N, C-alpha and C. Protein backbone atom coordinates (compact mmCIF):
# COMPACT_ATOMS: atom_id res chain seq x y z
N MET A 1 18.67 28.16 68.28
CA MET A 1 17.51 28.82 67.87
C MET A 1 17.98 29.43 66.40
N ASP A 2 17.09 29.09 65.61
CA ASP A 2 17.24 29.79 64.08
C ASP A 2 16.54 30.86 63.95
N LEU A 3 17.24 31.98 63.71
CA LEU A 3 16.72 33.33 63.67
C LEU A 3 16.47 33.52 62.13
N ASN A 4 15.44 34.19 61.88
CA ASN A 4 15.01 34.69 60.60
C ASN A 4 15.94 35.77 60.07
N THR A 5 16.02 35.78 58.88
CA THR A 5 17.15 36.91 58.17
C THR A 5 16.67 38.33 58.57
N GLY A 6 15.44 38.49 58.61
CA GLY A 6 15.00 39.85 59.01
C GLY A 6 15.42 40.28 60.22
N LEU A 7 15.28 39.51 61.07
CA LEU A 7 15.82 39.78 62.65
C LEU A 7 17.33 39.89 62.69
N LEU A 8 17.89 38.94 62.02
CA LEU A 8 19.44 39.07 61.76
C LEU A 8 19.90 40.42 61.20
N LEU A 9 19.16 41.00 60.56
CA LEU A 9 19.48 42.35 59.90
C LEU A 9 19.11 43.31 60.93
N TYR A 10 18.08 43.27 61.79
CA TYR A 10 17.58 44.20 62.63
C TYR A 10 18.40 44.44 64.04
N ILE A 11 18.94 43.24 64.46
CA ILE A 11 19.73 43.16 65.60
C ILE A 11 20.88 44.08 65.45
N PRO A 12 21.89 44.01 64.35
CA PRO A 12 22.80 44.95 64.36
C PRO A 12 22.53 46.43 64.09
N TYR A 13 21.41 46.52 63.25
CA TYR A 13 20.97 47.90 63.17
C TYR A 13 20.40 48.73 64.20
N ARG A 14 19.86 47.87 65.15
CA ARG A 14 19.26 48.40 66.49
C ARG A 14 20.33 48.68 67.53
N ALA A 15 21.52 47.96 67.46
CA ALA A 15 22.74 48.21 68.23
C ALA A 15 23.23 49.37 67.95
N MET A 16 23.39 49.70 66.59
CA MET A 16 24.11 50.94 65.94
C MET A 16 23.08 51.97 66.21
N GLU A 17 21.91 51.80 65.92
CA GLU A 17 20.99 52.84 66.33
C GLU A 17 21.14 53.43 67.85
N GLN A 18 21.11 52.37 68.67
CA GLN A 18 21.19 52.72 70.13
C GLN A 18 22.47 53.58 70.41
N ARG A 19 23.65 53.12 69.83
CA ARG A 19 24.87 53.89 70.14
C ARG A 19 24.68 55.32 69.54
N VAL A 20 24.15 55.41 68.31
CA VAL A 20 24.15 56.79 67.79
C VAL A 20 23.17 57.73 68.63
N PHE A 21 22.17 57.08 69.11
CA PHE A 21 21.02 58.06 69.94
C PHE A 21 21.88 58.42 71.36
N ALA A 22 22.53 57.22 71.75
CA ALA A 22 23.08 57.48 73.12
C ALA A 22 24.22 58.86 73.06
N ALA A 23 24.96 58.70 71.78
CA ALA A 23 26.10 59.57 71.72
C ALA A 23 25.39 61.12 71.15
N LEU A 24 24.45 61.07 70.59
CA LEU A 24 23.75 62.21 70.42
C LEU A 24 23.16 63.06 71.39
N ALA A 25 22.52 62.17 72.33
CA ALA A 25 22.08 62.68 73.74
C ALA A 25 23.14 63.24 74.67
N ASP A 26 24.39 62.41 74.58
CA ASP A 26 25.56 62.80 75.25
C ASP A 26 26.11 64.29 74.77
N ALA A 27 25.94 64.49 73.63
CA ALA A 27 26.45 65.77 72.76
C ALA A 27 25.33 66.78 72.90
N GLY A 28 24.17 66.47 73.45
CA GLY A 28 23.18 67.61 73.50
C GLY A 28 22.08 67.61 72.51
N HIS A 29 22.23 66.67 71.81
CA HIS A 29 21.12 66.65 70.73
C HIS A 29 19.93 65.48 71.10
N ASP A 30 18.82 66.09 71.33
CA ASP A 30 17.68 65.24 71.69
C ASP A 30 16.73 64.86 70.56
N ILE A 31 17.08 63.87 69.92
CA ILE A 31 16.35 63.48 68.75
C ILE A 31 15.82 62.07 68.93
N THR A 32 14.71 62.09 68.67
CA THR A 32 13.78 60.51 68.94
C THR A 32 14.14 59.81 67.45
N PRO A 33 13.84 58.37 67.76
CA PRO A 33 13.99 57.68 66.47
C PRO A 33 12.77 58.22 65.27
N ALA A 34 11.75 58.35 65.82
CA ALA A 34 10.79 58.86 64.79
C ALA A 34 11.28 60.26 64.13
N GLN A 35 11.86 60.98 64.70
CA GLN A 35 12.26 62.08 64.14
C GLN A 35 13.54 62.06 63.19
N ALA A 36 14.24 60.90 63.60
CA ALA A 36 15.37 60.71 62.73
C ALA A 36 14.96 59.90 61.55
N ARG A 37 13.98 59.13 61.56
CA ARG A 37 13.64 58.58 60.44
C ARG A 37 13.00 59.48 59.42
N LEU A 38 12.28 60.43 59.66
CA LEU A 38 11.96 61.60 58.75
C LEU A 38 13.07 62.40 58.48
N PHE A 39 13.98 62.87 59.37
CA PHE A 39 15.33 63.52 59.02
C PHE A 39 16.07 63.04 58.03
N GLN A 40 16.27 61.81 58.20
CA GLN A 40 17.41 60.93 57.27
C GLN A 40 16.70 60.90 55.86
N ARG A 41 15.37 61.35 55.56
CA ARG A 41 14.79 61.29 54.33
C ARG A 41 14.82 62.54 53.58
N ILE A 42 15.30 63.74 54.40
CA ILE A 42 15.39 65.06 53.58
C ILE A 42 16.17 64.96 52.38
N ALA A 43 15.88 65.33 51.45
CA ALA A 43 16.72 65.60 50.08
C ALA A 43 17.79 66.79 50.37
N PRO A 44 18.82 66.71 49.68
CA PRO A 44 19.69 67.83 49.84
C PRO A 44 19.16 69.13 49.57
N ASP A 45 18.28 69.38 48.57
CA ASP A 45 17.77 70.65 48.38
C ASP A 45 16.40 70.78 49.04
N GLY A 46 16.04 70.01 49.98
CA GLY A 46 14.99 69.97 50.71
C GLY A 46 13.92 69.09 50.16
N SER A 47 12.75 68.89 50.96
CA SER A 47 11.66 68.04 50.64
C SER A 47 10.25 68.61 51.10
N ARG A 48 9.29 68.11 50.51
CA ARG A 48 7.95 68.61 50.94
C ARG A 48 7.76 67.54 52.13
N THR A 49 6.70 67.91 52.96
CA THR A 49 6.41 67.07 54.19
C THR A 49 5.59 65.90 53.77
N SER A 50 4.96 65.97 52.63
CA SER A 50 4.22 64.93 52.09
C SER A 50 5.06 63.86 51.55
N GLU A 51 6.16 64.25 50.90
CA GLU A 51 7.30 63.22 50.63
C GLU A 51 7.79 62.65 51.56
N LEU A 52 8.10 63.31 52.77
CA LEU A 52 8.84 62.63 53.97
C LEU A 52 7.79 61.64 54.42
N ALA A 53 6.65 62.15 54.62
CA ALA A 53 5.53 61.17 55.26
C ALA A 53 5.43 59.67 54.46
N GLU A 54 5.56 59.77 53.13
CA GLU A 54 5.57 58.74 52.11
C GLU A 54 6.78 57.80 52.45
N GLN A 55 7.71 58.70 52.51
CA GLN A 55 9.19 57.74 52.67
C GLN A 55 9.26 57.20 53.86
N ALA A 56 8.76 58.01 55.07
CA ALA A 56 8.95 57.43 56.35
C ALA A 56 7.98 56.35 56.73
N GLY A 57 7.01 56.32 55.90
CA GLY A 57 5.91 55.29 56.17
C GLY A 57 4.94 55.85 57.31
N VAL A 58 4.58 56.96 57.42
CA VAL A 58 3.91 57.94 58.36
C VAL A 58 2.83 58.65 57.58
N THR A 59 1.89 59.00 58.32
CA THR A 59 0.62 60.04 57.89
C THR A 59 1.36 61.27 57.62
N LYS A 60 0.58 62.03 56.75
CA LYS A 60 0.85 63.40 56.61
C LYS A 60 0.84 64.16 57.99
N GLN A 61 -0.07 63.97 58.82
CA GLN A 61 -0.22 64.53 59.97
C GLN A 61 1.06 64.17 61.00
N THR A 62 1.24 63.05 61.16
CA THR A 62 2.51 62.81 61.93
C THR A 62 3.76 63.27 61.27
N ALA A 63 3.96 63.19 59.92
CA ALA A 63 5.19 63.97 59.43
C ALA A 63 5.14 65.49 59.69
N GLY A 64 4.00 65.96 59.71
CA GLY A 64 3.80 67.51 60.04
C GLY A 64 4.25 67.69 61.57
N PHE A 65 3.79 66.81 62.40
CA PHE A 65 4.14 66.97 63.82
C PHE A 65 5.77 66.95 64.00
N LEU A 66 6.30 65.87 63.44
CA LEU A 66 7.69 65.91 63.67
C LEU A 66 8.51 66.79 62.97
N VAL A 67 8.07 67.29 61.88
CA VAL A 67 8.75 68.26 61.33
C VAL A 67 8.51 69.63 62.09
N GLU A 68 7.53 69.84 62.63
CA GLU A 68 7.24 71.00 63.64
C GLU A 68 8.24 70.81 64.86
N GLN A 69 8.43 69.68 65.42
CA GLN A 69 9.27 69.36 66.55
C GLN A 69 10.72 69.55 66.12
N LEU A 70 11.03 69.16 64.92
CA LEU A 70 12.60 69.40 64.60
C LEU A 70 12.86 70.94 64.26
N GLU A 71 11.93 71.64 63.63
CA GLU A 71 11.88 72.95 63.32
C GLU A 71 11.98 73.78 64.92
N LYS A 72 11.38 73.33 65.90
CA LYS A 72 11.35 74.07 67.06
C LYS A 72 12.85 73.82 67.63
N GLN A 73 13.37 72.51 67.61
CA GLN A 73 14.70 72.42 68.20
C GLN A 73 15.87 72.93 67.46
N GLY A 74 15.30 73.29 66.14
CA GLY A 74 16.52 74.00 65.28
C GLY A 74 17.21 73.11 64.46
N TYR A 75 16.65 71.94 64.03
CA TYR A 75 17.40 70.91 63.10
C TYR A 75 16.89 71.03 61.73
N VAL A 76 15.68 71.72 61.48
CA VAL A 76 15.33 71.85 60.13
C VAL A 76 14.63 73.39 60.02
N GLU A 77 14.40 73.47 58.82
CA GLU A 77 13.87 74.92 58.66
C GLU A 77 12.79 74.62 57.26
N ARG A 78 11.75 75.48 57.25
CA ARG A 78 10.91 75.37 56.45
C ARG A 78 11.02 76.60 55.36
N VAL A 79 11.29 76.46 54.16
CA VAL A 79 11.40 77.41 53.10
C VAL A 79 10.47 77.34 52.07
N PRO A 80 10.15 78.44 51.32
CA PRO A 80 9.21 78.37 50.01
C PRO A 80 9.88 77.42 48.96
N ASP A 81 9.09 76.65 48.39
CA ASP A 81 9.51 75.76 47.32
C ASP A 81 9.66 76.72 46.12
N PRO A 82 10.67 76.72 45.34
CA PRO A 82 11.01 77.61 44.33
C PRO A 82 10.10 77.01 43.04
N ALA A 83 9.95 75.91 43.08
CA ALA A 83 9.05 75.20 41.88
C ALA A 83 7.46 75.56 42.19
N ASP A 84 7.00 75.94 43.30
CA ASP A 84 5.66 76.12 43.72
C ASP A 84 5.46 77.03 44.80
N GLY A 85 5.35 78.29 44.46
CA GLY A 85 5.30 79.37 45.50
C GLY A 85 4.19 79.00 46.75
N ARG A 86 3.16 78.12 46.62
CA ARG A 86 2.15 77.80 47.52
C ARG A 86 2.86 76.91 48.38
N ALA A 87 3.74 75.88 47.98
CA ALA A 87 4.40 74.99 48.88
C ALA A 87 5.51 75.33 49.68
N ARG A 88 5.96 74.62 50.67
CA ARG A 88 7.12 74.88 51.51
C ARG A 88 7.78 73.71 51.44
N LEU A 89 9.19 73.80 51.63
CA LEU A 89 10.19 72.61 51.62
C LEU A 89 10.67 72.68 53.04
N VAL A 90 11.13 71.49 53.53
CA VAL A 90 11.76 71.14 54.68
C VAL A 90 13.39 71.08 54.37
N ARG A 91 14.29 71.75 54.88
CA ARG A 91 15.48 71.78 54.62
C ARG A 91 16.04 71.49 56.07
N ILE A 92 17.36 70.89 56.00
CA ILE A 92 18.27 70.72 57.10
C ILE A 92 18.99 72.00 57.29
N ALA A 93 18.61 72.49 58.78
CA ALA A 93 19.40 73.58 59.44
C ALA A 93 20.80 73.32 59.58
N PRO A 94 21.52 74.50 59.87
CA PRO A 94 22.81 74.16 60.49
C PRO A 94 22.78 73.40 61.85
N ARG A 95 22.03 73.34 62.66
CA ARG A 95 22.31 72.58 63.82
C ARG A 95 21.89 71.09 63.38
N GLY A 96 21.07 70.96 62.34
CA GLY A 96 20.61 69.41 61.87
C GLY A 96 21.71 68.95 61.03
N ALA A 97 22.54 69.75 60.40
CA ALA A 97 23.68 69.33 59.70
C ALA A 97 24.81 69.00 60.73
N GLU A 98 24.94 69.61 61.63
CA GLU A 98 26.04 69.41 62.96
C GLU A 98 25.66 67.86 63.43
N ALA A 99 24.29 67.63 63.79
CA ALA A 99 23.94 66.56 64.44
C ALA A 99 24.21 65.46 63.48
N ALA A 100 23.86 65.64 62.06
CA ALA A 100 23.97 64.49 61.20
C ALA A 100 25.59 64.14 60.98
N GLU A 101 26.35 65.21 61.10
CA GLU A 101 27.89 64.97 60.80
C GLU A 101 28.22 64.00 62.01
N PHE A 102 27.88 64.64 63.22
CA PHE A 102 28.21 63.78 64.59
C PHE A 102 27.56 62.30 64.59
N ALA A 103 26.43 62.25 64.16
CA ALA A 103 26.15 60.73 63.98
C ALA A 103 26.72 59.94 62.87
N ALA A 104 26.98 60.46 61.81
CA ALA A 104 27.98 59.85 60.88
C ALA A 104 29.11 59.33 61.45
N LYS A 105 29.77 60.08 62.05
CA LYS A 105 31.02 59.71 62.86
C LYS A 105 30.70 58.47 63.81
N ILE A 106 29.88 58.21 64.62
CA ILE A 106 29.45 57.40 65.40
C ILE A 106 29.17 56.29 64.30
N VAL A 107 28.44 56.43 63.24
CA VAL A 107 28.23 55.00 62.33
C VAL A 107 29.27 54.65 61.88
N ALA A 108 30.60 55.50 61.44
CA ALA A 108 31.76 54.88 60.83
C ALA A 108 32.37 54.19 61.71
N GLU A 109 32.39 54.85 63.17
CA GLU A 109 33.03 53.87 64.18
C GLU A 109 32.55 52.50 64.49
N VAL A 110 31.25 52.35 64.44
CA VAL A 110 30.51 51.01 64.46
C VAL A 110 30.86 50.14 63.25
N GLU A 111 30.87 50.79 62.18
CA GLU A 111 31.07 49.93 61.02
C GLU A 111 32.64 49.70 61.15
N GLU A 112 33.39 50.23 61.64
CA GLU A 112 34.86 49.99 61.74
C GLU A 112 35.00 48.79 62.65
N GLU A 113 34.38 48.70 63.90
CA GLU A 113 34.41 47.67 64.73
C GLU A 113 33.68 46.30 64.23
N TRP A 114 32.62 46.40 63.31
CA TRP A 114 32.09 45.18 62.51
C TRP A 114 33.31 44.86 61.69
N ARG A 115 33.98 45.68 60.73
CA ARG A 115 34.89 45.34 59.88
C ARG A 115 36.15 44.54 60.62
N ALA A 116 36.42 45.12 61.90
CA ALA A 116 37.45 44.41 62.50
C ALA A 116 37.09 43.06 62.92
N HIS A 117 35.75 42.97 63.42
CA HIS A 117 35.26 41.79 63.85
C HIS A 117 35.22 40.58 62.73
N LEU A 118 34.61 41.13 61.35
CA LEU A 118 34.17 40.20 60.32
C LEU A 118 35.34 40.12 59.69
N GLY A 119 36.26 40.93 59.22
CA GLY A 119 37.34 40.90 58.46
C GLY A 119 36.88 41.82 57.25
N PRO A 120 37.91 42.29 56.45
CA PRO A 120 37.56 43.10 55.33
C PRO A 120 36.77 42.74 54.35
N GLU A 121 37.03 41.46 54.03
CA GLU A 121 36.41 40.65 52.90
C GLU A 121 34.99 40.32 53.33
N ARG A 122 34.68 39.72 54.59
CA ARG A 122 33.53 39.42 54.75
C ARG A 122 32.49 40.76 54.91
N MET A 123 33.10 41.75 55.33
CA MET A 123 32.41 43.23 55.53
C MET A 123 32.07 43.60 54.21
N ALA A 124 32.90 43.34 53.18
CA ALA A 124 32.47 43.83 51.86
C ALA A 124 31.44 43.00 51.13
N GLN A 125 31.63 41.75 51.52
CA GLN A 125 30.57 40.83 51.11
C GLN A 125 29.17 41.18 51.67
N LEU A 126 29.26 41.49 52.93
CA LEU A 126 28.01 41.80 53.65
C LEU A 126 27.37 43.26 53.00
N ARG A 127 28.18 44.07 52.88
CA ARG A 127 27.57 45.35 52.15
C ARG A 127 27.17 45.11 50.64
N ASP A 128 28.02 44.30 49.88
CA ASP A 128 27.60 43.92 48.71
C ASP A 128 26.05 43.45 48.65
N ALA A 129 25.85 42.38 49.54
CA ALA A 129 24.69 41.53 49.61
C ALA A 129 23.34 42.52 50.14
N LEU A 130 23.80 43.38 50.94
CA LEU A 130 22.82 44.24 51.55
C LEU A 130 22.32 45.45 50.32
N MET A 131 23.39 45.94 49.62
CA MET A 131 23.01 46.90 48.53
C MET A 131 22.14 45.89 47.35
N ALA A 132 22.54 44.89 47.22
CA ALA A 132 21.74 44.09 46.24
C ALA A 132 20.28 43.96 46.82
N LEU A 133 20.15 43.66 48.02
CA LEU A 133 18.84 43.42 48.58
C LEU A 133 18.11 44.91 48.29
N ARG A 134 18.59 46.05 48.61
CA ARG A 134 18.27 47.11 48.61
C ARG A 134 17.37 47.54 47.37
N GLU A 135 17.92 46.94 46.19
CA GLU A 135 17.47 47.12 44.83
C GLU A 135 15.83 46.55 44.84
N ILE A 136 15.56 45.61 45.66
CA ILE A 136 14.27 45.08 45.76
C ILE A 136 13.47 45.52 46.90
N THR A 137 14.10 46.16 48.09
CA THR A 137 13.22 46.71 49.16
C THR A 137 13.06 48.15 49.43
N ASP A 138 13.75 48.90 48.69
CA ASP A 138 13.88 50.24 48.90
C ASP A 138 13.47 50.85 47.55
N PRO A 139 11.97 51.46 47.44
CA PRO A 139 11.40 52.02 46.31
C PRO A 139 11.97 53.23 46.11
N TRP A 140 12.83 53.85 47.00
CA TRP A 140 13.37 55.33 46.69
C TRP A 140 14.97 55.30 46.44
N ALA A 141 15.42 53.95 46.13
CA ALA A 141 16.82 53.53 46.02
C ALA A 141 17.15 54.46 44.53
């Protein structure tokens, strides 16, 4: 069976994602994939909910709901936007930073397994090719 390239990209991503979410759950972090997609888009100095919605490809209402969930769980906080006193920014809270750091360690473990399987040269080629594809597929790159 000849799999299309999109599916070949998705299968390893999904395997990594499942490992990360399982490890997060085991560590007491109950984060859903939808919440994570939004959480991953939060800029270092904070982001407006409308920006998160656009980048995550969801409605503003959905983004607001997800931010509310994340805030109740202690992963994010909403603070006044210094550039516009009427607006609020979503920032990563300490618990969110802890979860992100933990998830990054799991991602590194998976990538090391892939590097061991592919070899360092092929892994570097894969990353180079994917970074080149990002130039034409990620409008926020």
